[in-house]
Amino acid sequence: MRHSGVSRKEFSDFYVGAKDRCLRAAIATGMDPGRAEEAIAEAFARAWSRWPTVRLASSPAAWVVRTAINVDISWWRKRRRELIVPETPEELPRHGSDDNGHDLLDAIRRLPPRQRQVIALRYFLDLDAETTAHELGIARGTVSATLHHALKALRLQLSDPEGMLS
């Protein structure tokens, strides 16, 4: 597909620069890593088909992650009666030898969905509170409060990884 006034290189540069961050953000929201890869690929394909509009968004990367989340939700809706799986996988795949990063990702995945989404957009995509609020369709104050609760929960989880305090 050829878009007038938009170069293929512009989208290619965006894709190369944002793909890994978007994938990490999608996984942090609670998606299975395999499904996250598929959802992100689909989201980037949709972004390309709408690039003249998406490129003008306050954060095209957030648009991709939000679209991937919607793709994943649609996938689950189609299959919700087909199989029952745990909300989060028992074991996350390791990427490198950073055990602390693995512990953090495990802790993030145990947060409620909205908290995972706020963490993903604020920290994995480095969006400000205003843009995060816009992308999630919530108030800026809700972003701040949700982030506060999420960070508090993460501190508790990471200081007591075995759950002995609960």
C-alpha atoms as a PDB file:
ATOM      1  CA  MET A   1       0.000   0.000   0.000  1.00  0.00           C
ATOM      2  CA  ARG A   2       1.358   3.441  -0.901  1.00  0.00           C
ATOM      3  CA  HIS A   3       0.420   6.501   1.126  1.00  0.00           C
ATOM      4  CA  SER A   4       0.801   9.863  -0.543  1.00  0.00           C
ATOM      5  CA  GLY A   5       3.234  12.140   1.255  1.00  0.00           C
ATOM      6  CA  VAL A   6       4.377   9.416   3.656  1.00  0.00           C
ATOM      7  CA  SER A   7       7.574   7.524   3.076  1.00  0.00           C
ATOM      8  CA  ARG A   8       7.988   3.845   3.729  1.00  0.00           C
ATOM      9  CA  LYS A   9      11.259   4.724   5.499  1.00  0.00           C
ATOM     10  CA  GLU A  10       9.394   6.870   8.049  1.00  0.00           C
ATOM     11  CA  PHE A  11       7.203   3.950   9.052  1.00  0.00           C
ATOM     12  CA  SER A  12      10.138   1.544   8.923  1.00  0.00           C
ATOM     13  CA  ASP A  13      12.131   3.787  11.283  1.00  0.00           C
ATOM     14  CA  PHE A  14       9.157   3.966  13.649  1.00  0.00           C
ATOM     15  CA  TYR A  15       8.746   0.184  13.555  1.00  0.00           C
ATOM     16  CA  VAL A  16      12.417  -0.539  14.256  1.00  0.00           C
ATOM     17  CA  GLY A  17      12.543   2.028  17.074  1.00  0.00           C
ATOM     18  CA  ALA A  18       9.276   1.055  18.778  1.00  0.00           C
ATOM     19  CA  LYS A  19       8.812  -2.692  18.192  1.00  0.00           C
ATOM     20  CA  ASP A  20      10.698  -4.005  21.228  1.00  0.00           C
ATOM     21  CA  ARG A  21       9.262  -1.393  23.617  1.00  0.00           C
ATOM     22  CA  CYS A  22       5.745  -2.106  22.382  1.00  0.00           C
ATOM     23  CA  LEU A  23       6.244  -5.852  22.793  1.00  0.00           C
ATOM     24  CA  ARG A  24       7.543  -5.436  26.368  1.00  0.00           C
ATOM     25  CA  ALA A  25       4.624  -3.143  27.172  1.00  0.00           C
ATOM     26  CA  ALA A  26       2.117  -5.650  25.772  1.00  0.00           C
ATOM     27  CA  ILE A  27       3.642  -8.487  27.799  1.00  0.00           C
ATOM     28  CA  ALA A  28       3.622  -6.298  30.905  1.00  0.00           C
ATOM     29  CA  THR A  29      -0.125  -5.760  30.497  1.00  0.00           C
ATOM     30  CA  GLY A  30      -0.570  -9.491  31.022  1.00  0.00           C
ATOM     31  CA  MET A  31      -0.539 -10.942  27.530  1.00  0.00           C
ATOM     32  CA  ASP A  32       1.038 -14.300  26.938  1.00  0.00           C
ATOM     33  CA  PRO A  33       4.397 -13.576  25.237  1.00  0.00           C
ATOM     34  CA  GLY A  34       3.486 -15.593  22.133  1.00  0.00           C
ATOM     35  CA  ARG A  35       0.113 -13.895  21.747  1.00  0.00           C
ATOM     36  CA  ALA A  36       1.746 -10.531  22.469  1.00  0.00           C
ATOM     37  CA  GLU A  37       4.086 -11.007  19.510  1.00  0.00           C
ATOM     38  CA  GLU A  38       1.142 -11.821  17.254  1.00  0.00           C
ATOM     39  CA  ALA A  39      -0.964  -8.940  18.588  1.00  0.00           C
ATOM     40  CA  ILE A  40       1.894  -6.451  18.192  1.00  0.00           C
ATOM     41  CA  ALA A  41       2.518  -7.660  14.638  1.00  0.00           C
ATOM     42  CA  GLU A  42      -1.178  -7.209  13.834  1.00  0.00           C
ATOM     43  CA  ALA A  43      -1.171  -3.771  15.498  1.00  0.00           C
ATOM     44  CA  PHE A  44       1.825  -2.644  13.436  1.00  0.00           C
ATOM     45  CA  ALA A  45       0.101  -3.884  10.272  1.00  0.00           C
ATOM     46  CA  ARG A  46      -2.955  -1.826  11.197  1.00  0.00           C
ATOM     47  CA  ALA A  47      -0.721   1.140  12.020  1.00  0.00           C
ATOM     48  CA  TRP A  48       0.839   0.943   8.548  1.00  0.00           C
ATOM     49  CA  SER A  49      -2.555   0.814   6.866  1.00  0.00           C
ATOM     50  CA  ARG A  50      -3.574   3.936   8.820  1.00  0.00           C
ATOM     51  CA  TRP A  51      -0.128   5.553   9.029  1.00  0.00           C
ATOM     52  CA  PRO A  52      -1.149   9.006   7.763  1.00  0.00           C
ATOM     53  CA  THR A  53      -3.458   9.243  10.792  1.00  0.00           C
ATOM     54  CA  VAL A  54      -1.486   7.183  13.334  1.00  0.00           C
ATOM     55  CA  ARG A  55       1.712   9.156  12.763  1.00  0.00           C
ATOM     56  CA  LEU A  56      -0.113  12.280  13.983  1.00  0.00           C
ATOM     57  CA  ALA A  57      -1.186  10.645  17.274  1.00  0.00           C
ATOM     58  CA  SER A  58       0.398  12.034  20.435  1.00  0.00           C
ATOM     59  CA  SER A  59       2.151   8.667  20.778  1.00  0.00           C
ATOM     60  CA  PRO A  60       2.056   6.261  17.835  1.00  0.00           C
ATOM     61  CA  ALA A  61       3.685   3.593  20.055  1.00  0.00           C
ATOM     62  CA  ALA A  62       0.828   3.876  22.553  1.00  0.00           C
ATOM     63  CA  TRP A  63      -1.613   3.551  19.647  1.00  0.00           C
ATOM     64  CA  VAL A  64       0.128   0.306  18.655  1.00  0.00           C
ATOM     65  CA  VAL A  65       0.040  -1.099  22.216  1.00  0.00           C
ATOM     66  CA  ARG A  66      -3.616  -0.138  22.693  1.00  0.00           C
ATOM     67  CA  THR A  67      -4.459  -1.767  19.357  1.00  0.00           C
ATOM     68  CA  ALA A  68      -2.523  -4.903  20.368  1.00  0.00           C
ATOM     69  CA  ILE A  69      -4.497  -5.036  23.633  1.00  0.00           C
ATOM     70  CA  ASN A  70      -7.729  -4.771  21.638  1.00  0.00           C
ATOM     71  CA  VAL A  71      -6.539  -7.504  19.252  1.00  0.00           C
ATOM     72  CA  ASP A  72      -5.788  -9.736  22.246  1.00  0.00           C
ATOM     73  CA  ILE A  73      -9.191  -9.018  23.810  1.00  0.00           C
ATOM     74  CA  SER A  74     -10.882  -9.916  20.517  1.00  0.00           C
ATOM     75  CA  TRP A  75      -8.833 -13.124  20.368  1.00  0.00           C
ATOM     76  CA  TRP A  76     -10.020 -14.081  23.853  1.00  0.00           C
ATOM     77  CA  ARG A  77     -13.640 -13.207  23.122  1.00  0.00           C
ATOM     78  CA  LYS A  78     -13.632 -15.552  20.139  1.00  0.00           C
ATOM     79  CA  ARG A  79     -12.107 -18.369  22.167  1.00  0.00           C
ATOM     80  CA  ARG A  80     -13.443 -17.807  25.673  1.00  0.00           C
ATOM     81  CA  ARG A  81     -15.721 -20.816  25.463  1.00  0.00           C
ATOM     82  CA  GLU A  82     -13.073 -22.990  23.832  1.00  0.00           C
ATOM     83  CA  LEU A  83     -10.502 -23.182  26.622  1.00  0.00           C
ATOM     84  CA  ILE A  84      -9.911 -22.223  30.198  1.00  0.00           C
ATOM     85  CA  VAL A  85      -6.432 -21.036  31.117  1.00  0.00           C
ATOM     86  CA  PRO A  86      -4.959 -19.360  34.175  1.00  0.00           C
ATOM     87  CA  GLU A  87      -4.965 -15.555  34.120  1.00  0.00           C
ATOM     88  CA  THR A  88      -1.156 -15.448  34.029  1.00  0.00           C
ATOM     89  CA  PRO A  89       1.265 -18.184  33.016  1.00  0.00           C
ATOM     90  CA  GLU A  90       3.053 -20.128  35.728  1.00  0.00           C
ATOM     91  CA  GLU A  91       6.495 -19.345  34.343  1.00  0.00           C
ATOM     92  CA  LEU A  92       7.562 -16.443  32.155  1.00  0.00           C
ATOM     93  CA  PRO A  93      10.231 -17.006  29.522  1.00  0.00           C
ATOM     94  CA  ARG A  94      13.618 -15.584  30.461  1.00  0.00           C
ATOM     95  CA  HIS A  95      15.225 -13.047  28.163  1.00  0.00           C
ATOM     96  CA  GLY A  96      18.851 -12.868  29.277  1.00  0.00           C
ATOM     97  CA  SER A  97      20.217 -13.427  32.740  1.00  0.00           C
ATOM     98  CA  ASP A  98      18.679 -10.488  34.594  1.00  0.00           C
ATOM     99  CA  ASP A  99      16.770 -12.233  37.390  1.00  0.00           C
ATOM    100  CA  ASN A 100      15.734  -8.896  38.916  1.00  0.00           C
ATOM    101  CA  GLY A 101      14.025  -7.870  35.675  1.00  0.00           C
ATOM    102  CA  HIS A 102      12.291 -11.247  35.588  1.00  0.00           C
ATOM    103  CA  ASP A 103      11.059 -10.776  39.168  1.00  0.00           C
ATOM    104  CA  LEU A 104       9.781  -7.319  38.294  1.00  0.00           C
ATOM    105  CA  LEU A 105       7.933  -8.565  35.217  1.00  0.00           C
ATOM    106  CA  ASP A 106       6.407 -11.385  37.289  1.00  0.00           C
ATOM    107  CA  ALA A 107       5.282  -8.820  39.875  1.00  0.00           C
ATOM    108  CA  ILE A 108       3.807  -6.517  37.211  1.00  0.00           C
ATOM    109  CA  ARG A 109       1.857  -9.403  35.701  1.00  0.00           C
ATOM    110  CA  ARG A 110       0.254 -10.111  39.097  1.00  0.00           C
ATOM    111  CA  LEU A 111      -1.210  -6.583  39.222  1.00  0.00           C
ATOM    112  CA  PRO A 112      -4.827  -5.909  38.187  1.00  0.00           C
ATOM    113  CA  PRO A 113      -5.266  -5.185  34.453  1.00  0.00           C
ATOM    114  CA  ARG A 114      -5.664  -1.388  34.741  1.00  0.00           C
ATOM    115  CA  GLN A 115      -2.533  -1.120  36.904  1.00  0.00           C
ATOM    116  CA  ARG A 116      -0.584  -3.235  34.384  1.00  0.00           C
ATOM    117  CA  GLN A 117      -1.746  -0.983  31.556  1.00  0.00           C
ATOM    118  CA  VAL A 118      -0.713   2.201  33.375  1.00  0.00           C
ATOM    119  CA  ILE A 119       2.706   0.746  34.260  1.00  0.00           C
ATOM    120  CA  ALA A 120       3.206  -0.390  30.661  1.00  0.00           C
ATOM    121  CA  LEU A 121       2.350   2.964  29.138  1.00  0.00           C
ATOM    122  CA  ARG A 122       4.126   5.126  31.746  1.00  0.00           C
ATOM    123  CA  TYR A 123       7.332   3.100  32.112  1.00  0.00           C
ATOM    124  CA  PHE A 124       7.721   0.817  29.114  1.00  0.00           C
ATOM    125  CA  LEU A 125       6.627   3.475  26.601  1.00  0.00           C
ATOM    126  CA  ASP A 126       7.713   6.466  28.729  1.00  0.00           C
ATOM    127  CA  LEU A 127       4.453   8.376  28.215  1.00  0.00           C
ATOM    128  CA  ASP A 128       3.465  11.265  30.443  1.00  0.00           C
ATOM    129  CA  ALA A 129       0.360  11.055  32.628  1.00  0.00           C
ATOM    130  CA  GLU A 130      -1.726  13.165  30.255  1.00  0.00           C
ATOM    131  CA  THR A 131      -0.979  10.968  27.220  1.00  0.00           C
ATOM    132  CA  THR A 132      -1.489   7.800  29.278  1.00  0.00           C
ATOM    133  CA  ALA A 133      -4.879   9.093  30.412  1.00  0.00           C
ATOM    134  CA  HIS A 134      -5.844   9.910  26.832  1.00  0.00           C
ATOM    135  CA  GLU A 135      -4.752   6.491  25.512  1.00  0.00           C
ATOM    136  CA  LEU A 136      -6.648   4.598  28.241  1.00  0.00           C
ATOM    137  CA  GLY A 137      -9.699   6.876  28.161  1.00  0.00           C
ATOM    138  CA  ILE A 138      -9.434   7.772  31.844  1.00  0.00           C
ATOM    139  CA  ALA A 139      -8.809  10.958  33.837  1.00  0.00           C
ATOM    140  CA  ARG A 140      -5.257  12.132  34.500  1.00  0.00           C
ATOM    141  CA  GLY A 141      -5.910  11.864  38.238  1.00  0.00           C
ATOM    142  CA  THR A 142      -6.962   8.253  37.765  1.00  0.00           C
ATOM    143  CA  VAL A 143      -3.624   7.564  36.075  1.00  0.00           C
ATOM    144  CA  SER A 144      -1.759   9.081  39.035  1.00  0.00           C
ATOM    145  CA  ALA A 145      -3.819   7.197  41.625  1.00  0.00           C
ATOM    146  CA  THR A 146      -3.578   3.920  39.709  1.00  0.00           C
ATOM    147  CA  LEU A 147       0.175   4.341  39.325  1.00  0.00           C
ATOM    148  CA  HIS A 148       0.515   5.073  43.049  1.00  0.00           C
ATOM    149  CA  HIS A 149      -1.391   1.883  43.963  1.00  0.00           C
ATOM    150  CA  ALA A 150       0.528  -0.176  41.401  1.00  0.00           C
ATOM    151  CA  LEU A 151       3.922   0.986  42.678  1.00  0.00           C
ATOM    152  CA  LYS A 152       2.880   0.334  46.276  1.00  0.00           C
ATOM    153  CA  ALA A 153       1.786  -3.200  45.333  1.00  0.00           C
ATOM    154  CA  LEU A 154       5.029  -3.784  43.432  1.00  0.00           C
ATOM    155  CA  ARG A 155       7.109  -2.625  46.414  1.00  0.00           C
ATOM    156  CA  LEU A 156       5.242  -5.054  48.651  1.00  0.00           C
ATOM    157  CA  GLN A 157       5.573  -7.935  46.188  1.00  0.00           C
ATOM    158  CA  LEU A 158       9.259  -7.358  45.585  1.00  0.00           C
ATOM    159  CA  SER A 159      10.116  -6.944  49.266  1.00  0.00           C
ATOM    160  CA  ASP A 160       8.221 -10.166  50.062  1.00  0.00           C
ATOM    161  CA  PRO A 161       8.533 -12.321  46.909  1.00  0.00           C
ATOM    162  CA  GLU A 162       7.428 -15.499  48.667  1.00  0.00           C
ATOM    163  CA  GLY A 163       4.200 -13.881  49.894  1.00  0.00           C
ATOM    164  CA  MET A 164       5.089 -14.555  53.509  1.00  0.00           C
ATOM    165  CA  LEU A 165       3.668 -11.230  54.694  1.00  0.00           C
ATOM    166  CA  SER A 166       0.203 -11.965  53.335  1.00  0.00           C
END
